[in-house]
Every structure is written in structure tokens, then in C-alpha cells.
């Protein structure tokens, strides 16, 4: 866990430095996206869940009278 936080700290430090403008993927990768990588398998699974069950906006809230 310590290594993960150290890595995140370094990435955040680079993201806020004046040199961040020259980061090669700055337009396609968010700062958080540089720290947390989501695999294609997870992306596919999330898309399957949305197709099967709908997105968050489709959720219904049951109200008690």
C-alpha cells in the first residue's frame, strides 16, 4: 500500500508542476487516470452491466408512503 501511495504522490507532483503541460497524454489521460489504470476487462464488464441493468440514471427509488 505504501508503494501505491508513493507512486500516486509522484504522479500528482508531476501533474501540478509547470512541466505538466508537456506531458504526452495530458489531453487523453486525467490526473487520476494516470494513477489508477482500469483494465479493458473492467471497462467491458461495466458496459455489460449498463446494457443489462441500465445506468445510474435508470435506477428507481422506492418510497415508503
PDB file of N, CA and C in Angstrom:
ATOM      1  N   UNK A   1       0.841  -1.192   0.000  1.00  0.00           N
ATOM      2  CA  UNK A   1       0.000   0.000   0.000  1.00  0.00           C
ATOM      3  C   UNK A   1       0.878   1.244   0.000  1.00  0.00           C
ATOM      4  N   UNK A   2       1.958   1.211   0.769  1.00  0.00           N
ATOM      5  CA  UNK A   2       2.849   2.374   0.819  1.00  0.00           C
ATOM      6  C   UNK A   2       3.400   2.690  -0.571  1.00  0.00           C
ATOM      7  N   UNK A   3       3.767   1.663  -1.314  1.00  0.00           N
ATOM      8  CA  UNK A   3       4.295   1.885  -2.661  1.00  0.00           C
ATOM      9  C   UNK A   3       3.254   2.538  -3.563  1.00  0.00           C
ATOM     10  N   UNK A   4       2.004   2.143  -3.413  1.00  0.00           N
ATOM     11  CA  UNK A   4       0.931   2.736  -4.219  1.00  0.00           C
ATOM     12  C   UNK A   4       0.767   4.213  -3.895  1.00  0.00           C
ATOM     13  N   UNK A   5       0.814   4.567  -2.608  1.00  0.00           N
ATOM     14  CA  UNK A   5       0.696   5.974  -2.227  1.00  0.00           C
ATOM     15  C   UNK A   5       1.913   6.772  -2.678  1.00  0.00           C
ATOM     16  N   UNK A   6       3.102   6.178  -2.579  1.00  0.00           N
ATOM     17  CA  UNK A   6       4.302   6.864  -3.058  1.00  0.00           C
ATOM     18  C   UNK A   6       4.196   7.148  -4.555  1.00  0.00           C
ATOM     19  N   UNK A   7       3.730   6.159  -5.308  1.00  0.00           N
ATOM     20  CA  UNK A   7       3.562   6.330  -6.751  1.00  0.00           C
ATOM     21  C   UNK A   7       2.549   7.434  -7.047  1.00  0.00           C
ATOM     22  N   UNK A   8       1.417   7.399  -6.339  1.00  0.00           N
ATOM     23  CA  UNK A   8       0.376   8.411  -6.546  1.00  0.00           C
ATOM     24  C   UNK A   8       0.905   9.801  -6.219  1.00  0.00           C
ATOM     25  N   UNK A   9       1.689   9.917  -5.163  1.00  0.00           N
ATOM     26  CA  UNK A   9       2.259  11.212  -4.770  1.00  0.00           C
ATOM     27  C   UNK A   9       3.182  11.744  -5.869  1.00  0.00           C
ATOM     28  N   UNK A  10       3.988  10.876  -6.427  1.00  0.00           N
ATOM     29  CA  UNK A  10       4.895  11.295  -7.503  1.00  0.00           C
ATOM     30  C   UNK A  10       4.096  11.762  -8.718  1.00  0.00           C
ATOM     31  N   UNK A  11       3.084  11.000  -9.098  1.00  0.00           N
ATOM     32  CA  UNK A  11       2.264  11.366 -10.261  1.00  0.00           C
ATOM     33  C   UNK A  11       1.555  12.695 -10.020  1.00  0.00           C
ATOM     34  N   UNK A  12       0.995  12.870  -8.824  1.00  0.00           N
ATOM     35  CA  UNK A  12       0.327  14.140  -8.513  1.00  0.00           C
ATOM     36  C   UNK A  12       1.320  15.291  -8.526  1.00  0.00           C
ATOM     37  N   UNK A  13       2.509  15.055  -8.003  1.00  0.00           N
ATOM     38  CA  UNK A  13       3.546  16.085  -8.031  1.00  0.00           C
ATOM     39  C   UNK A  13       3.891  16.496  -9.450  1.00  0.00           C
ATOM     40  N   UNK A  14       3.996  15.517 -10.325  1.00  0.00           N
ATOM     41  CA  UNK A  14       4.274  15.821 -11.735  1.00  0.00           C
ATOM     42  C   UNK A  14       3.100  16.549 -12.385  1.00  0.00           C
ATOM     43  N   UNK A  15       1.891  16.193 -12.005  1.00  0.00           N
ATOM     44  CA  UNK A  15       0.695  16.787 -12.621  1.00  0.00           C
ATOM     45  C   UNK A  15       0.561  18.266 -12.308  1.00  0.00           C
ATOM     46  N   UNK A  16       1.012  18.684 -11.141  1.00  0.00           N
ATOM     47  CA  UNK A  16       0.859  20.091 -10.757  1.00  0.00           C
ATOM     48  C   UNK A  16       2.117  20.910 -11.025  1.00  0.00           C
ATOM     49  N   UNK A  17       3.148  20.283 -11.545  1.00  0.00           N
ATOM     50  CA  UNK A  17       4.370  21.024 -11.834  1.00  0.00           C
ATOM     51  C   UNK A  17       4.208  21.820 -13.129  1.00  0.00           C
ATOM     52  N   UNK A  18       5.016  22.848 -13.307  1.00  0.00           N
ATOM     53  CA  UNK A  18       4.940  23.632 -14.551  1.00  0.00           C
ATOM     54  C   UNK A  18       5.236  22.794 -15.798  1.00  0.00           C
ATOM     55  N   UNK A  19       5.938  21.691 -15.626  1.00  0.00           N
ATOM     56  CA  UNK A  19       6.259  20.839 -16.772  1.00  0.00           C
ATOM     57  C   UNK A  19       5.089  19.961 -17.195  1.00  0.00           C
ATOM     58  N   UNK A  20       3.996  19.981 -16.442  1.00  0.00           N
ATOM     59  CA  UNK A  20       2.845  19.124 -16.746  1.00  0.00           C
ATOM     60  C   UNK A  20       2.267  19.421 -18.123  1.00  0.00           C
ATOM     61  N   UNK A  21       2.466  20.629 -18.606  1.00  0.00           N
ATOM     62  CA  UNK A  21       1.934  20.977 -19.930  1.00  0.00           C
ATOM     63  C   UNK A  21       2.556  20.137 -21.035  1.00  0.00           C
ATOM     64  N   UNK A  22       3.755  19.610 -20.784  1.00  0.00           N
ATOM     65  CA  UNK A  22       4.423  18.815 -21.816  1.00  0.00           C
ATOM     66  C   UNK A  22       4.190  17.317 -21.645  1.00  0.00           C
ATOM     67  N   UNK A  23       3.328  16.930 -20.711  1.00  0.00           N
ATOM     68  CA  UNK A  23       3.018  15.508 -20.521  1.00  0.00           C
ATOM     69  C   UNK A  23       2.394  14.983 -21.806  1.00  0.00           C
ATOM     70  N   UNK A  24       2.911  13.869 -22.351  1.00  0.00           N
ATOM     71  CA  UNK A  24       2.461  13.427 -23.684  1.00  0.00           C
ATOM     72  C   UNK A  24       0.977  13.087 -23.796  1.00  0.00           C
ATOM     73  N   UNK A  25       0.349  12.568 -22.753  1.00  0.00           N
ATOM     74  CA  UNK A  25      -1.056  12.163 -22.843  1.00  0.00           C
ATOM     75  C   UNK A  25      -1.961  13.053 -22.009  1.00  0.00           C
ATOM     76  N   UNK A  26      -1.565  14.285 -21.786  1.00  0.00           N
ATOM     77  CA  UNK A  26      -2.332  15.145 -20.880  1.00  0.00           C
ATOM     78  C   UNK A  26      -3.759  15.403 -21.357  1.00  0.00           C
ATOM     79  N   UNK A  27      -3.995  15.321 -22.657  1.00  0.00           N
ATOM     80  CA  UNK A  27      -5.345  15.561 -23.168  1.00  0.00           C
ATOM     81  C   UNK A  27      -6.227  14.319 -23.103  1.00  0.00           C
ATOM     82  N   UNK A  28      -5.611  13.146 -23.090  1.00  0.00           N
ATOM     83  CA  UNK A  28      -6.412  11.919 -23.063  1.00  0.00           C
ATOM     84  C   UNK A  28      -6.436  11.248 -21.696  1.00  0.00           C
ATOM     85  N   UNK A  29      -5.458  11.506 -20.850  1.00  0.00           N
ATOM     86  CA  UNK A  29      -5.408  10.912 -19.513  1.00  0.00           C
ATOM     87  C   UNK A  29      -5.607  11.989 -18.464  1.00  0.00           C
ATOM     88  N   UNK A  30      -6.575  11.773 -17.579  1.00  0.00           N
ATOM     89  CA  UNK A  30      -6.752  12.693 -16.465  1.00  0.00           C
ATOM     90  C   UNK A  30      -5.662  12.419 -15.434  1.00  0.00           C
ATOM     91  N   UNK A  31      -5.510  13.309 -14.463  1.00  0.00           N
ATOM     92  CA  UNK A  31      -4.537  13.089 -13.400  1.00  0.00           C
ATOM     93  C   UNK A  31      -4.850  11.798 -12.671  1.00  0.00           C
ATOM     94  N   UNK A  32      -6.102  11.598 -12.331  1.00  0.00           N
ATOM     95  CA  UNK A  32      -6.492  10.363 -11.652  1.00  0.00           C
ATOM     96  C   UNK A  32      -6.287   9.155 -12.563  1.00  0.00           C
ATOM     97  N   UNK A  33      -6.532   9.329 -13.845  1.00  0.00           N
ATOM     98  CA  UNK A  33      -6.338   8.244 -14.795  1.00  0.00           C
ATOM     99  C   UNK A  33      -4.891   7.834 -14.942  1.00  0.00           C
ATOM    100  N   UNK A  34      -3.972   8.730 -14.621  1.00  0.00           N
ATOM    101  CA  UNK A  34      -2.556   8.379 -14.653  1.00  0.00           C
ATOM    102  C   UNK A  34      -2.170   7.533 -13.451  1.00  0.00           C
ATOM    103  N   UNK A  35      -2.939   7.635 -12.373  1.00  0.00           N
ATOM    104  CA  UNK A  35      -2.634   6.893 -11.147  1.00  0.00           C
ATOM    105  C   UNK A  35      -3.349   5.550 -11.139  1.00  0.00           C
ATOM    106  N   UNK A  36      -4.627   5.566 -11.471  1.00  0.00           N
ATOM    107  CA  UNK A  36      -5.450   4.361 -11.414  1.00  0.00           C
ATOM    108  C   UNK A  36      -5.739   3.902 -12.833  1.00  0.00           C
ATOM    109  N   UNK A  37      -5.227   2.772 -13.182  1.00  0.00           N
ATOM    110  CA  UNK A  37      -5.453   2.219 -14.516  1.00  0.00           C
ATOM    111  C   UNK A  37      -6.594   1.214 -14.449  1.00  0.00           C
ATOM    112  N   UNK A  38      -7.571   1.388 -15.299  1.00  0.00           N
ATOM    113  CA  UNK A  38      -8.707   0.474 -15.379  1.00  0.00           C
ATOM    114  C   UNK A  38      -8.477  -0.426 -16.588  1.00  0.00           C
ATOM    115  N   UNK A  39      -8.492  -1.726 -16.353  1.00  0.00           N
ATOM    116  CA  UNK A  39      -8.236  -2.672 -17.441  1.00  0.00           C
ATOM    117  C   UNK A  39      -9.409  -2.707 -18.417  1.00  0.00           C
ATOM    118  N   UNK A  40      -9.133  -3.164 -19.614  1.00  0.00           N
ATOM    119  CA  UNK A  40     -10.186  -3.301 -20.619  1.00  0.00           C
ATOM    120  C   UNK A  40     -11.246  -4.283 -20.147  1.00  0.00           C
ATOM    121  N   UNK A  41     -10.836  -5.297 -19.402  1.00  0.00           N
ATOM    122  CA  UNK A  41     -11.785  -6.277 -18.861  1.00  0.00           C
ATOM    123  C   UNK A  41     -12.804  -5.601 -17.946  1.00  0.00           C
ATOM    124  N   UNK A  42     -12.344  -4.684 -17.106  1.00  0.00           N
ATOM    125  CA  UNK A  42     -13.247  -3.962 -16.202  1.00  0.00           C
ATOM    126  C   UNK A  42     -14.164  -3.040 -16.998  1.00  0.00           C
ATOM    127  N   UNK A  43     -13.634  -2.368 -17.995  1.00  0.00           N
ATOM    128  CA  UNK A  43     -14.444  -1.484 -18.835  1.00  0.00           C
ATOM    129  C   UNK A  43     -15.537  -2.280 -19.541  1.00  0.00           C
ATOM    130  N   UNK A  44     -15.165  -3.442 -20.087  1.00  0.00           N
ATOM    131  CA  UNK A  44     -16.149  -4.298 -20.759  1.00  0.00           C
ATOM    132  C   UNK A  44     -17.228  -4.760 -19.786  1.00  0.00           C
ATOM    133  N   UNK A  45     -16.820  -5.129 -18.584  1.00  0.00           N
ATOM    134  CA  UNK A  45     -17.778  -5.585 -17.574  1.00  0.00           C
ATOM    135  C   UNK A  45     -18.737  -4.462 -17.198  1.00  0.00           C
ATOM    136  N   UNK A  46     -18.229  -3.258 -17.019  1.00  0.00           N
ATOM    137  CA  UNK A  46     -19.088  -2.107 -16.687  1.00  0.00           C
ATOM    138  C   UNK A  46     -20.094  -1.844 -17.806  1.00  0.00           C
ATOM    139  N   UNK A  47     -19.636  -1.934 -19.046  1.00  0.00           N
ATOM    140  CA  UNK A  47     -20.547  -1.730 -20.178  1.00  0.00           C
ATOM    141  C   UNK A  47     -21.625  -2.806 -20.211  1.00  0.00           C
ATOM    142  N   UNK A  48     -21.243  -4.052 -19.911  1.00  0.00           N
ATOM    143  CA  UNK A  48     -22.210  -5.145 -19.874  1.00  0.00           C
ATOM    144  C   UNK A  48     -23.255  -4.900 -18.792  1.00  0.00           C
ATOM    145  N   UNK A  49     -22.823  -4.454 -17.619  1.00  0.00           N
ATOM    146  CA  UNK A  49     -23.744  -4.159 -16.510  1.00  0.00           C
ATOM    147  C   UNK A  49     -24.738  -3.080 -16.935  1.00  0.00           C
ATOM    148  N   UNK A  50     -24.243  -2.024 -17.572  1.00  0.00           N
ATOM    149  CA  UNK A  50     -25.121  -0.926 -18.001  1.00  0.00           C
ATOM    150  C   UNK A  50     -26.122  -1.420 -19.044  1.00  0.00           C
ATOM    151  N   UNK A  51     -25.653  -2.239 -19.989  1.00  0.00           N
ATOM    152  CA  UNK A  51     -26.567  -2.765 -21.009  1.00  0.00           C
ATOM    153  C   UNK A  51     -27.622  -3.677 -20.396  1.00  0.00           C
ATOM    154  N   UNK A  52     -27.215  -4.497 -19.442  1.00  0.00           N
ATOM    155  CA  UNK A  52     -28.131  -5.467 -18.846  1.00  0.00           C
ATOM    156  C   UNK A  52     -29.075  -4.821 -17.838  1.00  0.00           C
ATOM    157  N   UNK A  53     -28.570  -3.939 -16.996  1.00  0.00           N
ATOM    158  CA  UNK A  53     -29.349  -3.398 -15.887  1.00  0.00           C
ATOM    159  C   UNK A  53     -29.647  -1.908 -16.016  1.00  0.00           C
ATOM    160  N   UNK A  54     -29.031  -1.232 -16.971  1.00  0.00           N
ATOM    161  CA  UNK A  54     -29.243   0.205 -17.117  1.00  0.00           C
ATOM    162  C   UNK A  54     -28.220   0.990 -16.318  1.00  0.00           C
ATOM    163  N   UNK A  55     -28.138   2.255 -16.636  1.00  0.00           N
ATOM    164  CA  UNK A  55     -27.199   3.126 -15.940  1.00  0.00           C
ATOM    165  C   UNK A  55     -27.769   3.642 -14.642  1.00  0.00           C
ATOM    166  N   UNK A  56     -26.996   4.470 -13.992  1.00  0.00           N
ATOM    167  CA  UNK A  56     -27.422   5.053 -12.713  1.00  0.00           C
ATOM    168  C   UNK A  56     -28.680   5.886 -12.861  1.00  0.00           C
ATOM    169  N   UNK A  57     -28.813   6.556 -13.993  1.00  0.00           N
ATOM    170  CA  UNK A  57     -29.977   7.425 -14.201  1.00  0.00           C
ATOM    171  C   UNK A  57     -31.267   6.626 -14.337  1.00  0.00           C
ATOM    172  N   UNK A  58     -31.157   5.320 -14.577  1.00  0.00           N
ATOM    173  CA  UNK A  58     -32.342   4.474 -14.701  1.00  0.00           C
ATOM    174  C   UNK A  58     -32.779   3.858 -13.378  1.00  0.00           C
ATOM    175  N   UNK A  59     -32.006   4.081 -12.334  1.00  0.00           N
ATOM    176  CA  UNK A  59     -32.328   3.477 -11.037  1.00  0.00           C
ATOM    177  C   UNK A  59     -33.607   4.091 -10.478  1.00  0.00           C
ATOM    178  N   UNK A  60     -34.434   3.241  -9.907  1.00  0.00           N
ATOM    179  CA  UNK A  60     -35.680   3.713  -9.301  1.00  0.00           C
ATOM    180  C   UNK A  60     -35.556   3.652  -7.789  1.00  0.00           C
ATOM    181  N   UNK A  61     -36.054   4.659  -7.150  1.00  0.00           N
ATOM    182  CA  UNK A  61     -36.030   4.712  -5.692  1.00  0.00           C
ATOM    183  C   UNK A  61     -37.427   4.403  -5.192  1.00  0.00           C
ATOM    184  N   UNK A  62     -37.531   3.376  -4.388  1.00  0.00           N
ATOM    185  CA  UNK A  62     -38.821   3.031  -3.792  1.00  0.00           C
ATOM    186  C   UNK A  62     -39.048   3.938  -2.590  1.00  0.00           C
ATOM    187  N   UNK A  63     -40.179   4.590  -2.572  1.00  0.00           N
ATOM    188  CA  UNK A  63     -40.509   5.482  -1.451  1.00  0.00           C
ATOM    189  C   UNK A  63     -41.614   4.846  -0.622  1.00  0.00           C
ATOM    190  N   UNK A  64     -41.443   4.917   0.672  1.00  0.00           N
ATOM    191  CA  UNK A  64     -42.480   4.410   1.574  1.00  0.00           C
ATOM    192  C   UNK A  64     -43.510   5.495   1.813  1.00  0.00           C
ATOM    193  N   UNK A  65     -44.819   5.163   1.686  1.00  0.00           N
ATOM    194  CA  UNK A  65     -45.851   6.199   1.870  1.00  0.00           C
ATOM    195  C   UNK A  65     -45.976   6.628   3.319  1.00  0.00           C
TER     196      UNK A  65
END
